[in-house]
Amino acid sequence: MSEAGPVTRRAAIGALTAASYSRVAGANNRIGVGFIGYGLIGAQHVFDFKSQDDADLVGLAETYEPRLREGIAACEARPGTKTRGYRDFRRLLDEKDIDAVVVSTPDHWHALLTMMACAAGKDVYVEKPMTLFVREGRWMTQVARRHKRVVQVGTQQRSGVHYQAARKLIQEQYFGKLLSVRMAAFRNIMPGFGRPAEPQPENFDYDMWLGPAPARPYQPHRGLYHFRWFWDFSGGQMTNLAAHELDIVQWTTGQKGPRAVSSSGGRFALEDDGETADTQDALFEYDKFTAIWSHREASMGRRPPGGSEYAGTKGALLINRAGFEVLPDTKMPPGNAIPVFKGQPQGGPKRETVTPEPWVQAMKVPGSSDDQFRAHVRNFLDCIKSRERTVADVEDGHQTAVACHLANISLRTGRKIRWDPEKEEILNDPEASAMLERPYRKPWDRVLKGLLS
């Protein structure tokens, strides 16, 4: 949209309220759903909502014409479905038969679209990472609460039955007091995606795609899938992959956020035009336990099974979307843990003869990634009718994103970031504090101002 575009529309400036549509939650058993964005995860969401009998796939908005056509075809593959297409998402927000919106755009659009949809009287299912920078999450929460909207964040693992069972084990200290969590994602995509220089497609509205992000000359990687490697649009794999695991850490332990974060890394190996780190390690300091995240894009090595390892004083719990396993430690007299070389000199700890015995019972529980996606959608639709908060509420999505953003701020400043989760402030670091917020470009800065006023 150009600067002279229709920014005075009621949906754009947030003048519409929930009462504008006079919809009584739950009075109509069917829910009209509109989709904004049809990329990898957008296609997944169309598939999952299509499987819900009470969801009508009413509309789809997309800035890239081929994806718009593809998305409409995917919706209408369900018999009896007629889906309207929009190049401008604001037209979709104006539709009175759309009760809920699914935001599956690049990261830099998540916050503004969610707030605009809430102000237009829509409930929102927004993909993670919920925000591009820290302050957006507080704005989103305030707008959602003001308009009494239901918001579900796409951290689908919370809807996994085995994740819920593992959460109970962690909270009950089944495998002892939690000491640390280790998370990782390793792969090798060398030499990277290159530096293509194709012209902008005629059927791609790049200016609308940029939205509130800074205006940059078009290049193929600044659009569609590859946006994730640029700081203007995303936080790289820290906000993409680590967000899922950190969300479970904070959900299971009841932490609002870390007290301090240290991160190192950079774009060390990939031979392309990306900016975000291809190698990154981060240490999150919580109350009485730590969490570590590592990702590598240019070396797989001994690939971990994915997910996280929760280490306690009696054993460990390994969990990913396919299930979890409890690995008990063996009870051992401390003296027996001391290595023996040529004997045990007098005066040291004594070794004891004991029968090995595990601290806790081993356990293995399966899970299903597909079930998590479906259950997350079901929870959202049920909450639209009940008006209860979802399993992954906007406040939860904000707190998860904050942890990821702090790691990237540490990476980019080169120092430890100390954080107050209650006041949501970085302590004693004006330079880092200035990175908690970024400006929106015109005219979207005025849209944001209208939503927050």
Protein backbone atom coordinates (compact mmCIF):
# COMPACT_ATOMS: atom_id res chain seq x y z
CA MET A 1 0.00 0.00 0.00
CA SER A 2 1.32 3.46 -0.81
CA GLU A 3 1.53 6.29 1.73
CA ALA A 4 -1.55 7.83 0.15
CA GLY A 5 -3.54 4.63 0.68
CA PRO A 6 -6.82 4.37 2.62
CA VAL A 7 -5.46 4.48 6.15
CA THR A 8 -8.67 6.06 7.46
CA ARG A 9 -10.62 2.82 7.13
CA ARG A 10 -12.27 1.94 10.41
CA ALA A 11 -10.62 -1.47 10.61
CA ALA A 12 -7.22 0.04 9.93
CA ILE A 13 -7.31 2.62 12.70
CA GLY A 14 -8.94 0.32 15.20
CA ALA A 15 -12.23 2.19 15.54
CA LEU A 16 -14.30 -0.97 15.23
CA THR A 17 -15.03 -2.82 18.43
CA ALA A 18 -16.35 -6.24 19.25
CA ALA A 19 -19.81 -4.79 19.67
CA SER A 20 -19.79 -3.52 16.07
CA TYR A 21 -20.85 -6.88 14.74
CA SER A 22 -23.27 -7.67 17.60
CA ARG A 23 -22.20 -11.29 17.56
CA VAL A 24 -23.09 -13.21 20.68
CA ALA A 25 -20.34 -15.77 21.27
CA GLY A 26 -21.62 -19.30 20.92
CA ALA A 27 -25.10 -18.30 19.74
CA ASN A 28 -24.22 -19.48 16.25
CA ASN A 29 -22.58 -22.89 16.28
CA ARG A 30 -20.68 -22.17 13.06
CA ILE A 31 -17.60 -19.95 12.97
CA GLY A 32 -16.59 -18.02 9.88
CA VAL A 33 -12.81 -18.11 9.47
CA GLY A 34 -10.58 -15.90 7.33
CA PHE A 35 -6.94 -16.64 6.57
CA ILE A 36 -4.24 -14.01 6.07
CA GLY A 37 -1.16 -15.50 4.41
CA TYR A 38 -0.80 -18.83 2.64
CA GLY A 39 2.77 -20.05 3.00
CA LEU A 40 4.11 -23.24 4.58
CA ILE A 41 2.31 -22.87 7.89
CA GLY A 42 -0.66 -21.14 6.28
CA ALA A 43 -1.32 -24.23 4.20
CA GLN A 44 -1.15 -26.35 7.35
CA HIS A 45 -3.73 -24.14 9.06
CA VAL A 46 -6.14 -24.33 6.13
CA PHE A 47 -5.82 -28.11 6.29
CA ASP A 48 -6.48 -28.21 10.03
CA PHE A 49 -9.41 -25.78 10.08
CA LYS A 50 -10.92 -27.61 7.12
CA SER A 51 -11.15 -30.72 9.30
CA GLN A 52 -13.34 -28.93 11.86
CA ASP A 53 -17.04 -29.31 11.07
CA ASP A 54 -18.05 -26.03 12.72
CA ALA A 55 -15.51 -23.86 10.83
CA ASP A 56 -16.56 -22.15 7.60
CA LEU A 57 -13.57 -21.16 5.45
CA VAL A 58 -14.99 -17.84 4.30
CA GLY A 59 -12.03 -15.81 3.01
CA LEU A 60 -8.29 -15.78 2.31
CA ALA A 61 -5.97 -12.81 1.81
CA GLU A 62 -2.53 -13.07 0.20
CA THR A 63 -0.14 -10.60 -1.46
CA TYR A 64 1.19 -13.16 -3.98
CA GLU A 65 -1.40 -14.03 -6.62
CA PRO A 66 -0.35 -17.67 -7.25
CA ARG A 67 -0.55 -18.45 -3.55
CA LEU A 68 -3.91 -16.70 -3.32
CA ARG A 69 -5.31 -18.97 -6.02
CA GLU A 70 -3.70 -22.02 -4.45
CA GLY A 71 -5.09 -21.20 -1.02
CA ILE A 72 -8.62 -20.66 -2.29
CA ALA A 73 -8.45 -23.99 -4.11
CA ALA A 74 -7.29 -25.72 -0.92
CA CYS A 75 -10.21 -24.23 1.04
CA GLU A 76 -12.76 -25.10 -1.62
CA ALA A 77 -11.53 -28.69 -1.80
CA ARG A 78 -13.95 -29.26 1.06
CA PRO A 79 -17.35 -29.93 -0.51
CA GLY A 80 -19.80 -27.05 -0.21
CA THR A 81 -17.13 -24.45 0.58
CA LYS A 82 -16.98 -21.13 -1.22
CA THR A 83 -14.01 -18.96 -0.24
CA ARG A 84 -13.55 -15.32 -1.23
CA GLY A 85 -10.08 -14.07 -2.14
CA TYR A 86 -8.51 -10.73 -1.20
CA ARG A 87 -5.29 -9.02 -2.23
CA ASP A 88 -5.85 -6.47 0.58
CA PHE A 89 -6.39 -8.04 3.99
CA ARG A 90 -8.33 -4.97 5.20
CA ARG A 91 -11.23 -5.98 2.97
CA LEU A 92 -11.26 -9.33 4.72
CA LEU A 93 -11.36 -7.63 8.13
CA ASP A 94 -14.42 -5.66 7.02
CA GLU A 95 -16.45 -8.80 6.33
CA LYS A 96 -19.17 -9.37 8.92
CA ASP A 97 -19.43 -13.12 8.29
CA ILE A 98 -15.79 -13.61 9.33
CA ASP A 99 -15.67 -14.22 13.08
CA ALA A 100 -12.04 -15.30 13.41
CA VAL A 101 -8.81 -14.61 11.56
CA VAL A 102 -5.77 -16.87 11.16
CA VAL A 103 -2.55 -14.85 10.78
CA SER A 104 0.12 -16.86 8.93
CA THR A 105 2.17 -14.04 7.46
CA PRO A 106 5.90 -13.35 7.90
CA ASP A 107 6.82 -12.42 11.46
CA HIS A 108 6.96 -8.65 11.00
CA TRP A 109 3.21 -8.53 10.28
CA HIS A 110 2.01 -10.70 13.20
CA ALA A 111 1.55 -7.98 15.80
CA LEU A 112 -0.12 -5.29 13.70
CA LEU A 113 -2.46 -7.72 11.95
CA THR A 114 -3.51 -9.25 15.26
CA MET A 115 -4.27 -5.86 16.78
CA MET A 116 -6.19 -4.71 13.69
CA ALA A 117 -8.21 -7.93 13.69
CA CYS A 118 -9.02 -7.59 17.41
CA ALA A 119 -10.15 -4.01 16.87
CA ALA A 120 -12.34 -5.21 14.00
CA GLY A 121 -14.14 -7.61 16.34
CA LYS A 122 -12.35 -10.78 15.22
CA ASP A 123 -10.82 -13.48 17.37
CA VAL A 124 -7.29 -14.36 16.26
CA TYR A 125 -5.11 -17.42 15.78
CA VAL A 126 -1.62 -15.96 15.19
CA GLU A 127 1.49 -17.91 14.35
CA LYS A 128 4.65 -17.75 16.38
CA PRO A 129 6.88 -15.92 16.90
CA MET A 130 4.10 -13.62 17.97
CA THR A 131 6.25 -10.50 17.66
CA LEU A 132 9.25 -9.01 15.91
CA PHE A 133 10.38 -7.01 18.94
CA VAL A 134 9.59 -7.00 22.65
CA ARG A 135 7.18 -4.08 23.02
CA GLU A 136 4.77 -5.44 20.39
CA GLY A 137 3.69 -8.23 22.71
CA ARG A 138 2.49 -5.87 25.44
CA TRP A 139 0.63 -3.80 22.85
CA MET A 140 -1.06 -6.92 21.48
CA THR A 141 -2.12 -8.02 24.95
CA GLN A 142 -3.58 -4.61 25.77
CA VAL A 143 -5.54 -4.43 22.51
CA ALA A 144 -6.84 -7.99 22.82
CA ARG A 145 -8.01 -7.39 26.39
CA ARG A 146 -9.60 -4.04 25.56
CA HIS A 147 -11.68 -5.56 22.76
CA LYS A 148 -12.35 -8.79 24.69
CA ARG A 149 -10.90 -10.96 21.96
CA VAL A 150 -9.81 -14.58 22.11
CA VAL A 151 -6.21 -15.03 20.89
CA GLN A 152 -4.46 -18.33 20.25
CA VAL A 153 -0.70 -18.34 19.53
CA GLY A 154 0.68 -21.07 17.29
CA THR A 155 2.76 -22.85 19.92
CA GLN A 156 0.91 -26.07 19.18
CA GLN A 157 2.97 -28.25 21.52
CA ARG A 158 0.88 -26.98 24.45
CA SER A 159 -2.07 -28.88 22.99
CA GLY A 160 -0.16 -32.17 22.89
CA VAL A 161 -1.53 -34.69 25.39
CA HIS A 162 1.96 -36.01 26.11
CA TYR A 163 3.29 -32.46 26.64
CA GLN A 164 0.53 -31.91 29.19
CA ALA A 165 1.45 -35.17 30.93
CA ALA A 166 5.14 -34.23 30.93
CA ARG A 167 4.29 -30.82 32.37
CA LYS A 168 2.64 -32.52 35.33
CA LEU A 169 5.70 -34.73 35.90
CA ILE A 170 7.98 -31.68 35.85
CA GLN A 171 5.79 -29.72 38.24
CA GLU A 172 5.52 -32.70 40.61
CA GLN A 173 9.32 -33.17 40.44
CA TYR A 174 8.88 -36.79 39.40
CA PHE A 175 12.51 -36.97 38.27
CA GLY A 176 13.76 -34.65 40.99
CA LYS A 177 14.37 -30.95 41.26
CA LEU A 178 14.83 -29.36 37.83
CA LEU A 179 18.37 -28.08 37.30
CA SER A 180 18.73 -27.40 33.60
CA VAL A 181 17.09 -27.71 30.19
CA ARG A 182 19.01 -28.34 26.97
CA MET A 183 17.49 -27.56 23.57
CA ALA A 184 19.00 -27.77 20.10
CA ALA A 185 18.34 -27.85 16.36
CA PHE A 186 21.16 -28.91 14.01
CA ARG A 187 21.24 -29.35 10.24
CA ASN A 188 23.58 -28.70 7.30
CA ILE A 189 22.27 -26.58 4.41
CA MET A 190 25.67 -25.50 3.06
CA PRO A 191 26.38 -23.47 1.01
CA GLY A 192 23.11 -21.67 1.71
CA PHE A 193 20.52 -20.19 -0.62
CA GLY A 194 22.86 -18.01 -2.69
CA ARG A 195 22.30 -14.44 -3.87
CA PRO A 196 19.62 -14.53 -6.57
CA ALA A 197 18.84 -11.32 -8.44
CA GLU A 198 15.55 -11.98 -10.25
CA PRO A 199 13.18 -9.00 -10.75
CA GLN A 200 10.09 -8.58 -8.63
CA PRO A 201 7.20 -10.70 -9.92
CA GLU A 202 4.35 -8.66 -11.38
CA ASN A 203 1.82 -10.62 -9.34
CA PHE A 204 3.52 -9.96 -5.98
CA ASP A 205 2.51 -6.86 -4.00
CA TYR A 206 5.89 -6.27 -2.36
CA ASP A 207 4.96 -2.94 -0.80
CA MET A 208 2.02 -4.51 1.03
CA TRP A 209 4.19 -7.49 1.93
CA LEU A 210 6.70 -5.11 3.58
CA GLY A 211 3.94 -3.38 5.53
CA PRO A 212 5.38 -1.83 8.70
CA ALA A 213 8.92 -3.03 7.96
CA PRO A 214 11.55 -0.63 6.56
CA ALA A 215 11.36 0.02 2.82
CA ARG A 216 14.12 -1.93 1.08
CA PRO A 217 14.73 -2.58 -2.60
CA TYR A 218 13.20 -5.86 -3.71
CA GLN A 219 15.36 -8.94 -3.87
CA PRO A 220 14.08 -12.53 -4.00
CA HIS A 221 15.13 -13.39 -0.47
CA ARG A 222 13.33 -10.36 0.96
CA GLY A 223 10.00 -11.97 0.35
CA LEU A 224 8.06 -15.21 0.70
CA TYR A 225 9.95 -18.00 2.46
CA HIS A 226 13.42 -16.47 2.83
CA PHE A 227 12.32 -13.48 4.92
CA ARG A 228 13.44 -15.40 8.02
CA TRP A 229 17.12 -14.63 7.42
CA PHE A 230 16.74 -10.83 7.70
CA TRP A 231 16.52 -8.78 10.89
CA ASP A 232 13.88 -6.48 9.32
CA PHE A 233 11.40 -9.34 9.22
CA SER A 234 12.42 -11.98 11.75
CA GLY A 235 14.80 -13.12 14.47
CA GLY A 236 16.17 -16.13 12.59
CA GLN A 237 16.06 -19.61 14.05
CA MET A 238 16.10 -18.21 17.57
CA THR A 239 12.57 -16.86 17.19
CA ASN A 240 11.54 -19.60 14.76
CA LEU A 241 12.64 -22.88 16.37
CA ALA A 242 13.76 -21.94 19.87
CA ALA A 243 10.40 -20.28 20.48
CA HIS A 244 8.65 -23.66 20.59
CA GLU A 245 11.02 -25.14 23.16
CA LEU A 246 11.31 -22.02 25.32
CA ASP A 247 7.53 -21.80 25.38
CA ILE A 248 7.35 -25.26 26.96
CA VAL A 249 10.11 -24.37 29.44
CA GLN A 250 8.20 -21.35 30.72
CA TRP A 251 4.81 -23.08 30.57
CA THR A 252 5.92 -26.10 32.58
CA THR A 253 7.83 -24.11 35.19
CA GLY A 254 5.51 -21.11 35.54
CA GLN A 255 8.28 -18.64 34.72
CA LYS A 256 7.34 -15.29 33.18
CA GLY A 257 10.80 -14.99 31.69
CA PRO A 258 14.52 -15.33 32.33
CA ARG A 259 16.42 -13.08 34.71
CA ALA A 260 19.40 -12.89 32.37
CA VAL A 261 20.35 -14.05 28.87
CA SER A 262 23.75 -14.48 27.23
CA SER A 263 24.15 -15.39 23.57
CA SER A 264 26.98 -15.73 21.08
CA GLY A 265 27.21 -16.69 17.44
CA GLY A 266 26.86 -15.20 13.99
CA ARG A 267 26.50 -15.94 10.31
CA PHE A 268 29.75 -17.84 10.08
CA ALA A 269 29.40 -20.20 7.13
CA LEU A 270 26.39 -19.86 4.84
CA GLU A 271 27.30 -18.27 1.53
CA ASP A 272 24.23 -16.18 0.83
CA ASP A 273 22.73 -12.76 1.55
CA GLY A 274 21.11 -13.60 4.87
CA GLU A 275 21.81 -11.73 8.12
CA THR A 276 20.57 -13.79 11.06
CA ALA A 277 22.85 -16.25 12.85
CA ASP A 278 23.57 -19.62 11.27
CA THR A 279 25.33 -20.60 14.50
CA GLN A 280 24.01 -19.48 17.86
CA ASP A 281 24.25 -20.57 21.49
CA ALA A 282 22.21 -18.94 24.25
CA LEU A 283 22.09 -19.37 28.02
CA PHE A 284 18.86 -18.41 29.81
CA GLU A 285 19.06 -17.90 33.57
CA TYR A 286 15.77 -18.59 35.35
CA ASP A 287 15.00 -18.82 39.06
CA LYS A 288 17.00 -21.84 40.28
CA PHE A 289 17.57 -23.48 36.89
CA THR A 290 19.16 -22.69 33.55
CA ALA A 291 18.20 -23.41 29.95
CA ILE A 292 20.52 -23.67 26.95
CA TRP A 293 19.61 -23.34 23.26
CA SER A 294 21.93 -24.13 20.34
CA HIS A 295 21.32 -24.12 16.63
CA ARG A 296 23.62 -24.85 13.72
CA GLU A 297 22.64 -24.38 10.09
CA ALA A 298 25.93 -25.45 8.54
CA SER A 299 26.91 -28.58 10.49
CA MET A 300 24.68 -31.39 11.61
CA GLY A 301 27.14 -33.62 13.49
CA ARG A 302 25.55 -36.13 15.82
CA ARG A 303 22.04 -34.89 15.35
CA PRO A 304 19.89 -34.79 18.49
CA PRO A 305 16.35 -36.16 18.29
CA GLY A 306 14.98 -32.63 18.52
CA GLY A 307 13.02 -31.13 21.36
CA SER A 308 14.40 -30.71 24.87
CA GLU A 309 16.07 -32.53 27.73
CA TYR A 310 14.90 -31.61 31.23
CA ALA A 311 17.55 -32.64 33.76
CA GLY A 312 16.58 -33.24 37.38
CA THR A 313 18.27 -34.64 40.47
CA LYS A 314 16.78 -38.11 39.91
CA GLY A 315 16.93 -38.40 36.14
CA ALA A 316 15.97 -36.63 32.93
CA LEU A 317 12.94 -36.21 30.68
CA LEU A 318 13.50 -36.07 26.91
CA ILE A 319 10.59 -34.64 24.96
CA ASN A 320 9.70 -33.69 21.40
CA ARG A 321 6.56 -33.76 19.28
CA ALA A 322 6.80 -37.53 18.84
CA GLY A 323 6.64 -38.26 22.58
CA PHE A 324 8.64 -38.17 25.79
CA GLU A 325 10.85 -40.53 27.76
CA VAL A 326 11.96 -40.47 31.39
CA LEU A 327 15.52 -41.73 31.86
CA PRO A 328 16.18 -42.44 35.56
CA ASP A 329 19.56 -41.89 37.15
CA THR A 330 20.99 -44.68 39.31
CA LYS A 331 21.30 -44.20 43.05
CA MET A 332 24.98 -44.15 43.86
CA PRO A 333 27.03 -43.38 46.99
CA PRO A 334 28.95 -40.19 46.15
CA GLY A 335 32.25 -41.94 46.80
CA ASN A 336 31.54 -44.46 44.03
CA ALA A 337 31.44 -41.65 41.47
CA ILE A 338 35.11 -40.84 42.05
CA PRO A 339 37.29 -42.49 39.36
CA VAL A 340 39.82 -45.10 40.43
CA PHE A 341 43.19 -45.28 38.69
CA LYS A 342 45.93 -47.25 40.51
CA GLY A 343 44.08 -47.62 43.75
CA GLN A 344 42.34 -45.55 46.42
CA PRO A 345 44.82 -43.81 48.80
CA GLN A 346 44.01 -43.55 52.48
CA GLY A 347 41.94 -40.65 53.74
CA GLY A 348 39.66 -40.18 50.72
CA PRO A 349 35.98 -41.02 50.28
CA LYS A 350 35.25 -44.73 50.61
CA ARG A 351 33.68 -46.78 47.85
CA GLU A 352 30.71 -48.90 48.89
CA THR A 353 29.30 -52.12 47.52
CA VAL A 354 25.65 -51.49 46.67
CA THR A 355 23.02 -52.96 44.38
CA PRO A 356 22.28 -50.51 41.53
CA GLU A 357 18.79 -49.05 41.84
CA PRO A 358 17.11 -46.32 39.76
CA TRP A 359 15.81 -43.23 41.49
CA VAL A 360 12.51 -43.37 39.58
CA GLN A 361 10.71 -45.66 37.18
CA ALA A 362 11.54 -45.31 33.50
CA MET A 363 8.69 -44.15 31.29
CA LYS A 364 8.00 -43.77 27.58
CA VAL A 365 4.91 -42.02 26.20
CA PRO A 366 4.16 -41.47 22.47
CA GLY A 367 2.86 -38.27 20.92
CA SER A 368 1.62 -36.99 17.56
CA SER A 369 2.49 -33.74 15.82
CA ASP A 370 -0.68 -33.93 13.70
CA ASP A 371 -2.81 -34.34 16.82
CA GLN A 372 -1.21 -31.25 18.36
CA PHE A 373 -2.13 -29.08 15.36
CA ARG A 374 -5.71 -30.34 15.32
CA ALA A 375 -6.15 -30.01 19.09
CA HIS A 376 -4.76 -26.47 19.03
CA VAL A 377 -7.32 -25.45 16.41
CA ARG A 378 -10.06 -27.20 18.36
CA ASN A 379 -9.08 -25.36 21.55
CA PHE A 380 -9.25 -22.05 19.68
CA LEU A 381 -12.71 -22.73 18.25
CA ASP A 382 -14.03 -23.95 21.59
CA CYS A 383 -12.72 -20.81 23.31
CA ILE A 384 -14.40 -18.61 20.72
CA LYS A 385 -17.68 -20.12 21.88
CA SER A 386 -16.92 -20.18 25.61
CA ARG A 387 -14.96 -16.87 25.65
CA GLU A 388 -12.36 -18.53 27.85
CA ARG A 389 -8.64 -17.94 27.32
CA THR A 390 -6.85 -20.39 25.08
CA VAL A 391 -4.11 -22.82 26.05
CA ALA A 392 -1.62 -20.44 24.36
CA ASP A 393 -2.98 -17.01 25.20
CA VAL A 394 -1.58 -13.73 23.86
CA GLU A 395 0.18 -13.08 27.17
CA ASP A 396 1.92 -16.46 26.95
CA GLY A 397 3.02 -15.78 23.39
CA HIS A 398 4.41 -12.42 24.45
CA GLN A 399 6.49 -13.89 27.28
CA THR A 400 7.88 -16.63 25.06
CA ALA A 401 8.85 -14.18 22.33
CA VAL A 402 10.54 -11.92 24.88
CA ALA A 403 12.99 -14.67 25.86
CA CYS A 404 13.93 -15.16 22.20
CA HIS A 405 14.30 -11.44 21.55
CA LEU A 406 16.54 -11.02 24.59
CA ALA A 407 18.84 -13.72 23.24
CA ASN A 408 19.11 -11.87 19.94
CA ILE A 409 19.71 -8.56 21.70
CA SER A 410 22.55 -10.23 23.62
CA LEU A 411 23.91 -11.64 20.36
CA ARG A 412 23.85 -8.26 18.65
CA THR A 413 25.25 -6.23 21.56
CA GLY A 414 27.85 -8.82 22.56
CA ARG A 415 27.00 -8.86 26.26
CA LYS A 416 24.74 -10.39 28.89
CA ILE A 417 21.28 -8.90 29.13
CA ARG A 418 19.67 -8.66 32.56
CA TRP A 419 15.89 -8.62 32.51
CA ASP A 420 13.12 -7.81 34.98
CA PRO A 421 10.16 -10.04 33.96
CA GLU A 422 7.72 -8.15 36.15
CA LYS A 423 8.53 -4.63 34.92
CA GLU A 424 9.53 -5.90 31.46
CA GLU A 425 12.68 -3.82 31.45
CA ILE A 426 16.33 -4.42 30.61
CA LEU A 427 18.43 -3.39 33.58
CA ASN A 428 21.24 -0.84 33.39
CA ASP A 429 21.81 -0.98 29.63
CA PRO A 430 20.37 1.97 27.66
CA GLU A 431 21.71 0.70 24.33
CA ALA A 432 20.06 -2.68 24.73
CA SER A 433 16.88 -1.10 26.09
CA ALA A 434 16.57 0.94 22.90
CA MET A 435 16.29 -2.37 20.99
CA LEU A 436 13.05 -3.30 22.78
CA GLU A 437 11.09 -1.25 20.24
CA ARG A 438 11.36 -0.45 16.54
CA PRO A 439 9.52 2.17 14.49
CA TYR A 440 6.85 1.22 11.96
CA ARG A 441 7.16 2.87 8.58
CA LYS A 442 4.46 5.16 7.21
CA PRO A 443 1.49 4.88 7.00
CA TRP A 444 1.41 1.88 9.35
CA ASP A 445 2.84 3.96 12.21
CA ARG A 446 -0.41 5.95 12.19
CA VAL A 447 -2.43 2.73 12.16
CA LEU A 448 -0.54 1.56 15.24
CA LYS A 449 -1.09 4.88 16.97
CA GLY A 450 -4.82 4.62 16.35
CA LEU A 451 -4.93 1.11 17.79
CA LEU A 452 -3.10 2.11 20.97
CA SER A 453 -4.92 5.37 21.61
